[in-house]
Amino acid sequence: MFADKTDVNAGSVFDPTRYDARPACQHRGGRSARHRLFAPHGLAAPVRTSRTSRVRVGAVIFNLKRDQSRKLIEGLTEAAIVVRGAAVTMSNAAARNLLGVGIEGVDVRQVLPHPVLIERLARGKVKGPEEIEAAGFGGPRRHWLVRIAPLGEGDFLVRLIDRSEARAAEQMRVDFVANASHELRTPLSTLIGYTETLCERAEDIDNDTRVRFMSIVHDEAQRMKRTVEDLISLSRIEAEKFTAPTEAVDLEQLLEVAVEGARRVADARQSELICEIEKGLPAIAADGSQILQVLDNLITNALRYGEAGTPVTLSASLEDAMVHLAVTDEGEGIPPEHLNRLTERFYRVDTSRSRSLGGTGLGLSIVKHIVERHRGRLTIESEVGKGTTAHVLLPIATGQPS
């Protein structure tokens, strides 16, 4: 007794596009309202609708789905695009900023020029969720984790997760291990060589040679000790970097201690240590032992690389809510291309000279990490032929007049 018995019994899934809520009198030759029949559960009886109506309903549903999809990918923080066939059909703001404003409708091979991605997306090789490491877009040193997820009906969601910082950190770790190993292996090889000679040819070596060999062994052992101590110090500083010191420390007293400790080296190089400290300098919020380590490193560097017989000047003054500390030498200076890398671990402008002077290549890296822990700033200025100045800004202690 249904208006369209075949349609109702055709399946168990209810299809709203095949029902019409208009009175039955408006269908099938205008049958009167008394002939209107009802489906079970009070639903309007199914009728056959025109192709135009079904297309219209399908278009509405498609537009709703598209709007919802766009809202979803716009909510993603990472760059995301939707690919159908070989073309980009949808993108979020992050993707447009990274890959270009007009990427929608463009061939994916032009948007993501990576051979593996092209094979997967443009040639339909994706069968399930995949992760691909990729580079070559967004910048020469950018590295990406590309996650591809099928959405059905030939659509794929492609998310670009920036792994550049993680890759850089991993490379730094690898370089650090390699450099540390090299720094320790070199003096260790020297120690082994000289001690083997002393042991195997003890009877053939005269006293003067023996003394000279033992002096070299001692110096190389001291060099290893300094490297290990600096590595341990750097590790401890990094472990505390999220805890800013709050103790009020008198910088003038620390300067006096540091100058006295460097006096022997200064006298050996006939260099005068000049202190220019502003009167009434407020206390700084600091870890006293770490700031003393900063001063020792900066003064030692200035004495090592400044010309013998020239002065090293230390100054301290108030600058806004910070204390400005500066250490200046009158040496050869540093070429501009090296300045940005001076605080890298084991980086040296002149490797042989640095090692001959007892440097480990970690001094300025230690200074940088200590200053960062103190929420301060480190800058280095240099002019070839005139000298170098290291500037350190440190915050004053709470409650101190600025």
Protein backbone atom coordinates (compact mmCIF):
# COMPACT_ATOMS: atom_id res chain seq x y z
CA MET A 1 0.00 0.00 0.00
CA PHE A 2 2.94 2.34 -0.46
CA ALA A 3 3.06 5.07 -3.10
CA ASP A 4 6.26 3.50 -4.43
CA LYS A 5 6.47 0.03 -3.03
CA THR A 6 9.59 -0.91 -4.97
CA ASP A 7 11.59 2.11 -3.68
CA VAL A 8 10.71 1.53 -0.05
CA ASN A 9 11.69 -2.13 -0.10
CA ALA A 10 14.87 -1.59 -2.15
CA GLY A 11 17.14 -1.28 0.88
CA SER A 12 17.40 -0.60 4.57
CA VAL A 13 19.28 2.74 4.34
CA PHE A 14 17.06 5.78 4.35
CA ASP A 15 18.02 8.26 1.58
CA PRO A 16 16.61 11.76 2.25
CA THR A 17 17.30 12.89 -1.32
CA ARG A 18 14.57 10.51 -2.57
CA TYR A 19 11.77 11.83 -0.36
CA ASP A 20 9.70 14.94 -0.99
CA ALA A 21 7.82 16.78 1.75
CA ARG A 22 5.36 18.44 -0.68
CA PRO A 23 1.69 17.31 -0.61
CA ALA A 24 1.05 14.20 -2.62
CA CYS A 25 -1.50 16.11 -4.74
CA GLN A 26 1.42 17.95 -6.35
CA HIS A 27 2.86 14.70 -7.69
CA ARG A 28 1.87 12.07 -10.22
CA GLY A 29 -0.72 14.00 -12.16
CA GLY A 30 -2.00 16.00 -9.19
CA ARG A 31 -3.69 13.29 -7.14
CA SER A 32 -5.89 14.72 -4.41
CA ALA A 33 -4.80 15.03 -0.81
CA ARG A 34 -7.11 12.19 0.23
CA HIS A 35 -4.95 9.78 -1.79
CA ARG A 36 -1.75 10.87 0.05
CA LEU A 37 -0.17 7.88 1.70
CA PHE A 38 2.31 7.79 4.58
CA ALA A 39 5.33 5.62 5.14
CA PRO A 40 5.85 3.76 8.41
CA HIS A 41 6.83 5.84 11.47
CA GLY A 42 5.19 8.96 10.04
CA LEU A 43 7.71 9.65 7.27
CA ALA A 44 6.47 11.13 4.02
CA ALA A 45 6.05 8.49 1.35
CA PRO A 46 9.02 8.20 -1.02
CA VAL A 47 8.61 9.59 -4.46
CA ARG A 48 10.91 9.77 -7.44
CA THR A 49 12.55 13.18 -7.66
CA SER A 50 13.96 14.77 -10.76
CA ARG A 51 17.68 14.58 -11.63
CA THR A 52 17.94 18.36 -11.25
CA SER A 53 16.75 18.19 -7.61
CA ARG A 54 19.22 15.46 -6.75
CA VAL A 55 22.13 17.41 -8.31
CA ARG A 56 21.08 20.52 -6.37
CA VAL A 57 21.02 18.62 -3.05
CA GLY A 58 24.36 16.99 -3.85
CA ALA A 59 25.90 20.40 -4.56
CA VAL A 60 24.68 21.75 -1.22
CA ILE A 61 26.14 18.77 0.64
CA PHE A 62 29.43 19.11 -1.28
CA ASN A 63 29.69 22.81 -0.39
CA LEU A 64 28.92 22.09 3.26
CA LYS A 65 31.61 19.41 3.35
CA ARG A 66 34.10 21.71 1.63
CA ASP A 67 33.43 24.55 4.08
CA GLN A 68 33.82 22.18 7.02
CA SER A 69 37.04 20.75 5.60
CA ARG A 70 38.50 24.22 5.07
CA LYS A 71 37.66 25.20 8.66
CA LEU A 72 39.35 22.02 9.88
CA ILE A 73 42.64 22.50 8.02
CA GLU A 74 42.70 26.24 8.82
CA GLY A 75 42.70 25.18 12.46
CA LEU A 76 45.96 23.26 12.01
CA THR A 77 49.11 25.08 13.15
CA GLU A 78 51.34 23.37 10.61
CA ALA A 79 51.12 23.86 6.84
CA ALA A 80 48.44 21.59 5.34
CA ILE A 81 47.03 21.03 1.84
CA VAL A 82 44.43 18.73 0.32
CA VAL A 83 45.43 17.01 -2.93
CA ARG A 84 43.08 15.35 -5.41
CA GLY A 85 44.55 13.71 -8.45
CA ALA A 86 47.64 15.78 -9.12
CA ALA A 87 46.28 19.17 -8.04
CA VAL A 88 46.06 21.09 -4.77
CA THR A 89 42.37 21.63 -4.04
CA MET A 90 42.59 23.24 -0.62
CA SER A 91 45.22 24.84 1.66
CA ASN A 92 45.46 26.62 5.00
CA ALA A 93 47.11 29.96 5.78
CA ALA A 94 50.34 28.34 6.97
CA ALA A 95 50.68 26.45 3.67
CA ARG A 96 50.00 29.56 1.60
CA ASN A 97 52.60 31.51 3.58
CA LEU A 98 55.14 28.75 3.05
CA LEU A 99 54.43 27.59 -0.51
CA GLY A 100 52.74 30.58 -2.14
CA VAL A 101 49.39 32.37 -2.07
CA GLY A 102 48.06 30.92 -5.33
CA ILE A 103 48.81 27.23 -4.81
CA GLU A 104 45.18 26.04 -5.00
CA GLY A 105 44.47 24.54 -8.39
CA VAL A 106 48.19 24.17 -9.13
CA ASP A 107 49.85 20.85 -9.95
CA VAL A 108 51.29 19.31 -6.78
CA ARG A 109 54.55 18.64 -8.62
CA GLN A 110 55.12 22.39 -8.78
CA VAL A 111 54.01 23.01 -5.20
CA LEU A 112 56.06 20.19 -3.59
CA PRO A 113 59.02 19.55 -5.92
CA HIS A 114 60.32 16.44 -4.17
CA PRO A 115 60.71 13.17 -6.11
CA VAL A 116 59.28 10.88 -3.40
CA LEU A 117 56.28 13.15 -2.79
CA ILE A 118 55.63 13.42 -6.52
CA GLU A 119 55.69 9.62 -6.84
CA ARG A 120 53.27 9.19 -3.95
CA LEU A 121 50.80 11.98 -4.69
CA ALA A 122 50.85 12.63 -8.43
CA ARG A 123 51.11 8.96 -9.39
CA GLY A 124 48.65 7.62 -6.84
CA LYS A 125 51.09 5.47 -4.89
CA VAL A 126 49.58 6.22 -1.45
CA LYS A 127 47.66 3.28 -0.03
CA GLY A 128 47.55 4.32 3.63
CA PRO A 129 49.00 6.91 6.07
CA GLU A 130 52.67 7.63 5.33
CA GLU A 131 55.51 9.74 6.75
CA ILE A 132 58.26 11.04 4.47
CA GLU A 133 61.38 13.07 5.36
CA ALA A 134 61.76 15.84 2.76
CA ALA A 135 63.64 19.05 1.98
CA GLY A 136 63.92 21.42 -0.96
CA PHE A 137 61.05 23.82 -0.27
CA GLY A 138 60.58 26.67 2.19
CA GLY A 139 64.32 27.38 2.21
CA PRO A 140 67.60 25.54 1.51
CA ARG A 141 68.11 24.46 5.13
CA ARG A 142 64.53 23.57 5.99
CA HIS A 143 63.74 19.95 6.79
CA TRP A 144 60.21 18.58 6.90
CA LEU A 145 58.32 15.55 8.09
CA VAL A 146 55.53 15.16 5.52
CA ARG A 147 52.51 13.20 6.74
CA ILE A 148 50.08 11.97 4.08
CA ALA A 149 46.65 10.62 5.04
CA PRO A 150 43.99 9.39 2.59
CA LEU A 151 40.62 11.10 3.10
CA GLY A 152 38.64 8.95 0.69
CA GLU A 153 37.18 9.70 -2.73
CA GLY A 154 40.70 10.36 -4.09
CA ASP A 155 41.54 13.15 -1.61
CA PHE A 156 44.75 13.23 0.47
CA LEU A 157 45.60 15.45 3.44
CA VAL A 158 49.26 16.50 3.35
CA ARG A 159 50.74 18.06 6.50
CA LEU A 160 54.21 19.65 6.59
CA ILE A 161 55.81 19.50 10.04
CA ASP A 162 58.95 21.62 10.38
CA ARG A 163 61.85 19.52 11.68
CA SER A 164 64.57 22.09 10.95
CA GLU A 165 65.30 22.92 14.60
CA ALA A 166 65.30 19.27 15.63
CA ARG A 167 67.63 18.40 12.74
CA ALA A 168 69.94 21.31 13.61
CA ALA A 169 70.02 20.24 17.27
CA GLU A 170 70.85 16.68 16.26
CA GLN A 171 73.63 17.92 13.98
CA MET A 172 75.00 20.08 16.80
CA ARG A 173 75.05 17.04 19.08
CA VAL A 174 76.89 14.97 16.47
CA ASP A 175 79.40 17.78 15.84
CA PHE A 176 79.90 18.28 19.57
CA VAL A 177 80.69 14.61 20.18
CA ALA A 178 83.06 14.55 17.20
CA ASN A 179 84.84 17.75 18.28
CA ALA A 180 85.10 16.66 21.92
CA SER A 181 86.53 13.32 20.85
CA HIS A 182 89.07 15.08 18.63
CA GLU A 183 90.07 17.54 21.36
CA LEU A 184 90.75 14.68 23.76
CA ARG A 185 92.28 12.27 21.26
CA THR A 186 95.00 14.70 20.11
CA PRO A 187 96.68 15.25 23.50
CA LEU A 188 96.07 11.60 24.41
CA SER A 189 98.01 10.49 21.32
CA THR A 190 100.86 12.78 22.33
CA LEU A 191 100.86 11.36 25.85
CA ILE A 192 100.96 7.78 24.58
CA GLY A 193 103.76 8.54 22.10
CA TYR A 194 106.07 10.22 24.59
CA THR A 195 105.44 7.79 27.45
CA GLU A 196 106.10 4.81 25.15
CA THR A 197 109.38 6.38 24.07
CA LEU A 198 110.36 7.03 27.70
CA CYS A 199 109.54 3.44 28.67
CA GLU A 200 111.03 1.61 25.69
CA ARG A 201 114.18 3.69 25.26
CA ALA A 202 114.86 4.80 28.80
CA GLU A 203 118.54 3.82 28.65
CA ASP A 204 119.16 5.71 25.38
CA ILE A 205 117.59 9.02 26.44
CA ASP A 206 119.77 11.64 28.13
CA ASN A 207 118.54 13.62 31.10
CA ASP A 208 117.81 16.85 29.19
CA THR A 209 115.67 14.98 26.64
CA ARG A 210 113.88 13.14 29.42
CA VAL A 211 113.04 16.42 31.18
CA ARG A 212 111.79 17.92 27.92
CA PHE A 213 109.62 14.88 27.20
CA MET A 214 108.18 14.91 30.71
CA SER A 215 107.38 18.62 30.35
CA ILE A 216 105.43 17.91 27.13
CA VAL A 217 103.55 15.04 28.81
CA HIS A 218 102.65 17.34 31.70
CA ASP A 219 101.42 20.12 29.39
CA GLU A 220 99.28 17.73 27.33
CA ALA A 221 97.80 16.20 30.48
CA GLN A 222 96.92 19.69 31.71
CA ARG A 223 95.32 20.45 28.36
CA MET A 224 93.13 17.36 28.65
CA LYS A 225 92.22 18.33 32.20
CA ARG A 226 91.14 21.82 31.10
CA THR A 227 89.02 20.40 28.28
CA VAL A 228 87.28 17.92 30.58
CA GLU A 229 86.69 20.61 33.24
CA ASP A 230 85.21 22.98 30.64
CA LEU A 231 82.94 20.21 29.31
CA ILE A 232 81.69 19.44 32.82
CA SER A 233 81.20 23.14 33.52
CA LEU A 234 79.24 23.61 30.29
CA SER A 235 77.04 20.64 31.12
CA ARG A 236 76.24 22.02 34.58
CA ILE A 237 75.42 25.47 33.21
CA GLU A 238 73.07 24.04 30.60
CA ALA A 239 71.31 21.98 33.29
CA GLU A 240 70.56 25.20 35.20
CA LYS A 241 69.66 27.42 32.27
CA PHE A 242 65.95 27.58 33.12
CA THR A 243 66.62 28.80 36.67
CA ALA A 244 67.55 32.48 36.72
CA PRO A 245 69.74 33.57 39.69
CA THR A 246 68.16 36.07 42.11
CA GLU A 247 70.97 36.66 44.64
CA ALA A 248 72.26 40.25 44.83
CA VAL A 249 75.98 40.25 43.95
CA ASP A 250 78.49 43.12 44.02
CA LEU A 251 80.09 43.14 40.55
CA GLU A 252 82.89 45.48 41.67
CA GLN A 253 84.14 42.91 44.19
CA LEU A 254 84.06 40.17 41.56
CA LEU A 255 86.08 42.36 39.20
CA GLU A 256 88.73 42.87 41.88
CA VAL A 257 88.98 39.11 42.45
CA ALA A 258 89.18 38.39 38.69
CA VAL A 259 91.85 41.04 38.10
CA GLU A 260 93.96 39.70 40.96
CA GLY A 261 93.66 36.17 39.57
CA ALA A 262 94.83 37.32 36.11
CA ARG A 263 97.71 39.40 37.44
CA ARG A 264 100.40 36.72 36.91
CA VAL A 265 99.48 36.21 33.22
CA ALA A 266 99.26 39.98 32.70
CA ASP A 267 102.71 40.52 34.21
CA ALA A 268 104.18 37.76 32.03
CA ARG A 269 102.85 39.56 28.92
CA GLN A 270 103.70 42.99 30.33
CA SER A 271 100.09 44.05 29.93
CA GLU A 272 98.37 46.44 32.29
CA LEU A 273 94.88 45.65 33.58
CA ILE A 274 92.84 48.88 33.69
CA CYS A 275 89.53 49.01 35.61
CA GLU A 276 86.96 51.74 34.92
CA ILE A 277 84.01 51.16 37.26
CA GLU A 278 81.16 53.63 37.64
CA LYS A 279 80.60 54.79 41.23
CA GLY A 280 77.49 53.61 43.02
CA LEU A 281 77.03 50.64 40.69
CA PRO A 282 73.98 48.61 41.87
CA ALA A 283 74.22 44.91 42.70
CA ILE A 284 73.34 42.45 39.96
CA ALA A 285 71.05 39.40 40.17
CA ALA A 286 73.63 36.69 39.71
CA ASP A 287 75.38 33.49 40.65
CA GLY A 288 78.68 34.91 41.91
CA SER A 289 80.84 31.91 40.96
CA GLN A 290 79.47 31.84 37.39
CA ILE A 291 79.98 35.59 36.85
CA LEU A 292 83.53 35.17 38.13
CA GLN A 293 83.94 32.41 35.52
CA VAL A 294 82.69 34.86 32.84
CA LEU A 295 85.23 37.47 33.96
CA ASP A 296 88.08 34.93 34.06
CA ASN A 297 87.32 33.73 30.53
CA LEU A 298 86.98 37.21 29.03
CA ILE A 299 90.11 38.58 30.73
CA THR A 300 92.16 35.49 29.83
CA ASN A 301 91.04 35.75 26.18
CA ALA A 302 91.94 39.44 26.08
CA LEU A 303 95.41 38.73 27.48
CA ARG A 304 96.01 35.77 25.16
CA TYR A 305 94.98 37.43 21.93
CA GLY A 306 95.89 41.04 22.67
CA GLU A 307 99.32 42.26 21.68
CA ALA A 308 101.95 41.77 24.38
CA GLY A 309 102.66 45.01 26.20
CA THR A 310 99.25 46.54 25.42
CA PRO A 311 96.63 47.16 28.12
CA VAL A 312 93.39 45.27 28.74
CA THR A 313 90.54 47.53 29.86
CA LEU A 314 87.62 46.43 32.04
CA SER A 315 84.66 48.79 32.42
CA ALA A 316 81.33 48.56 34.22
CA SER A 317 78.48 51.08 34.10
CA LEU A 318 74.73 51.33 34.58
CA GLU A 319 72.64 51.16 31.41
CA ASP A 320 68.85 51.37 31.96
CA ALA A 321 67.98 48.42 34.23
CA MET A 322 71.15 46.53 33.30
CA VAL A 323 74.81 46.68 34.25
CA HIS A 324 77.05 46.97 31.19
CA LEU A 325 80.35 45.12 31.50
CA ALA A 326 82.99 45.44 28.77
CA VAL A 327 86.43 43.85 28.32
CA THR A 328 88.64 45.38 25.60
CA ASP A 329 92.02 44.30 24.20
CA GLU A 330 94.34 45.85 21.64
CA GLY A 331 95.14 42.85 19.52
CA GLU A 332 94.96 41.82 15.88
CA GLY A 333 91.16 41.84 15.88
CA ILE A 334 88.80 39.27 14.39
CA PRO A 335 87.60 39.24 10.75
CA PRO A 336 83.82 39.90 10.47
CA GLU A 337 83.02 36.47 9.00
CA HIS A 338 84.08 34.79 12.26
CA LEU A 339 82.18 36.96 14.76
CA ASN A 340 78.85 35.09 14.60
CA ARG A 341 80.53 31.74 15.27
CA LEU A 342 82.78 32.68 18.18
CA THR A 343 80.43 31.23 20.79
CA GLU A 344 80.15 27.83 19.06
CA ARG A 345 81.74 24.97 20.95
CA PHE A 346 85.34 24.30 19.89
CA TYR A 347 85.23 27.04 17.26
CA ARG A 348 88.58 28.81 16.80
CA VAL A 349 89.63 31.59 14.46
CA ASP A 350 93.24 30.33 14.50
CA THR A 351 93.27 26.71 15.67
CA SER A 352 97.04 26.25 16.04
CA ARG A 353 97.50 29.55 17.87
CA SER A 354 94.61 28.87 20.23
CA ARG A 355 95.96 25.45 21.20
CA SER A 356 99.51 26.73 21.65
CA LEU A 357 98.15 29.36 24.05
CA GLY A 358 96.25 26.75 26.05
CA GLY A 359 92.72 27.46 24.78
CA THR A 360 90.09 24.70 24.77
CA GLY A 361 87.69 26.38 22.31
CA LEU A 362 84.93 26.32 24.95
CA GLY A 363 85.54 29.59 26.81
CA LEU A 364 83.17 31.86 24.91
CA SER A 365 80.55 29.12 24.69
CA ILE A 366 80.62 28.91 28.50
CA VAL A 367 80.34 32.72 28.72
CA LYS A 368 77.34 32.72 26.36
CA HIS A 369 75.45 30.05 28.33
CA ILE A 370 76.12 31.74 31.68
CA VAL A 371 74.92 35.10 30.36
CA GLU A 372 71.79 33.50 28.90
CA ARG A 373 71.06 31.81 32.24
CA HIS A 374 71.30 35.26 33.87
CA ARG A 375 68.81 36.63 31.30
CA GLY A 376 71.53 38.92 29.98
CA ARG A 377 73.04 39.62 26.55
CA LEU A 378 76.49 38.99 25.06
CA THR A 379 77.83 40.82 22.01
CA ILE A 380 81.33 40.90 20.56
CA GLU A 381 82.72 43.75 18.47
CA SER A 382 86.05 43.64 16.70
CA GLU A 383 88.04 45.63 14.20
CA VAL A 384 90.96 44.02 12.40
CA GLY A 385 94.21 45.69 13.41
CA LYS A 386 92.71 47.49 16.42
CA GLY A 387 91.29 44.95 18.84
CA THR A 388 88.20 43.32 20.26
CA THR A 389 85.57 44.22 22.87
CA ALA A 390 83.22 41.77 24.58
CA HIS A 391 80.03 43.41 25.92
CA VAL A 392 77.93 41.76 28.63
CA LEU A 393 74.61 43.16 29.91
CA LEU A 394 73.39 41.78 33.23
CA PRO A 395 70.11 42.63 35.04
CA ILE A 396 70.32 44.44 38.36
CA ALA A 397 68.99 42.74 41.49
CA THR A 398 65.38 43.29 42.56
CA GLY A 399 64.98 46.31 44.80
CA GLN A 400 68.13 48.01 43.53
CA PRO A 401 67.87 51.61 42.26
CA SER A 402 68.09 51.79 38.44
